[in-house]
Amino acid sequence: MMKDHSRALRRHHAERLKKKRQFYFYSWPDKLSPARLGKVVNTPAPCSCHLCGNPRKYFDERSVQEKRWMQLVE
């Protein structure tokens, strides 16, 4: 029973994200092509450079959640 709803929910979220992400900054001033839009729904970051990627990988910086946790523990 739950499986039927999960497919509909996945499709709903995919359509919602497609509407939201069709004008991402790297597509300006035009809309994204359907193929690129499908990729952006699953992987919103255009690449994994130091600007787009995880700050820990490039700057050894902790996430906000980790910083909060460290304050509570210490």
Protein backbone atom coordinates (compact mmCIF):
# COMPACT_ATOMS: atom_id res chain seq x y z
CA MET A 1 0.00 0.00 0.00
CA MET A 2 2.74 2.45 0.90
CA LYS A 3 4.67 1.66 -2.27
CA ASP A 4 1.95 3.15 -4.49
CA HIS A 5 2.16 6.45 -2.64
CA SER A 6 5.94 6.58 -2.68
CA ARG A 7 6.13 6.63 -6.50
CA ALA A 8 3.57 9.41 -6.68
CA LEU A 9 5.41 11.33 -3.98
CA ARG A 10 8.75 10.95 -5.79
CA ARG A 11 7.19 12.22 -9.01
CA HIS A 12 5.56 15.11 -7.17
CA HIS A 13 8.88 16.16 -5.64
CA ALA A 14 10.68 15.80 -8.97
CA GLU A 15 8.18 18.12 -10.66
CA ARG A 16 8.37 20.56 -7.76
CA LEU A 17 12.16 20.69 -7.98
CA LYS A 18 12.08 21.05 -11.77
CA LYS A 19 9.87 24.13 -11.43
CA LYS A 20 12.10 25.57 -8.74
CA ARG A 21 15.44 24.86 -10.43
CA GLN A 22 14.64 25.68 -14.06
CA PHE A 23 16.28 29.10 -13.70
CA TYR A 24 19.46 28.15 -11.86
CA PHE A 25 22.34 30.60 -12.08
CA TYR A 26 24.30 28.60 -14.66
CA SER A 27 21.36 28.60 -17.07
CA TRP A 28 20.78 32.35 -17.10
CA PRO A 29 19.25 34.03 -19.12
CA ASP A 30 17.58 30.97 -20.69
CA LYS A 31 15.84 27.98 -19.22
CA LEU A 32 17.71 24.71 -18.84
CA SER A 33 17.24 22.01 -21.45
CA PRO A 34 15.08 19.05 -20.34
CA ALA A 35 18.13 16.79 -20.08
CA ARG A 36 20.10 19.29 -17.99
CA LEU A 37 17.03 20.00 -15.84
CA GLY A 38 16.73 16.30 -15.03
CA LYS A 39 20.35 16.26 -13.94
CA VAL A 40 19.93 19.38 -11.81
CA VAL A 41 17.01 17.78 -9.97
CA ASN A 42 19.27 14.95 -8.81
CA THR A 43 22.55 16.86 -8.46
CA PRO A 44 21.95 20.57 -7.81
CA ALA A 45 25.62 21.54 -7.42
CA PRO A 46 27.14 22.19 -10.85
CA CYS A 47 30.53 20.78 -9.87
CA SER A 48 32.63 19.96 -6.82
CA CYS A 49 35.13 22.83 -6.93
CA HIS A 50 36.06 24.74 -3.78
CA LEU A 51 33.12 27.13 -4.35
CA CYS A 52 30.43 24.51 -4.95
CA GLY A 53 31.73 21.54 -2.98
CA ASN A 54 31.96 20.55 0.65
CA PRO A 55 33.88 23.16 2.69
CA ARG A 56 35.39 20.45 4.89
CA LYS A 57 37.16 18.93 1.94
CA TYR A 58 38.86 22.17 0.93
CA PHE A 59 39.13 24.24 4.12
CA ASP A 60 38.92 21.65 6.97
CA GLU A 61 35.89 23.56 8.23
CA ARG A 62 33.27 21.89 10.42
CA SER A 63 29.56 22.08 9.64
CA VAL A 64 27.22 24.24 11.72
CA GLN A 65 25.73 21.13 13.35
CA GLU A 66 29.19 19.89 14.32
CA LYS A 67 30.14 23.28 15.75
CA ARG A 68 26.98 23.32 17.89
CA TRP A 69 27.61 19.78 19.05
CA MET A 70 31.19 20.59 19.99
CA GLN A 71 29.98 23.54 22.09
CA LEU A 72 27.58 21.29 23.96
CA VAL A 73 30.14 18.56 24.57
CA GLU A 74 33.01 20.77 25.67
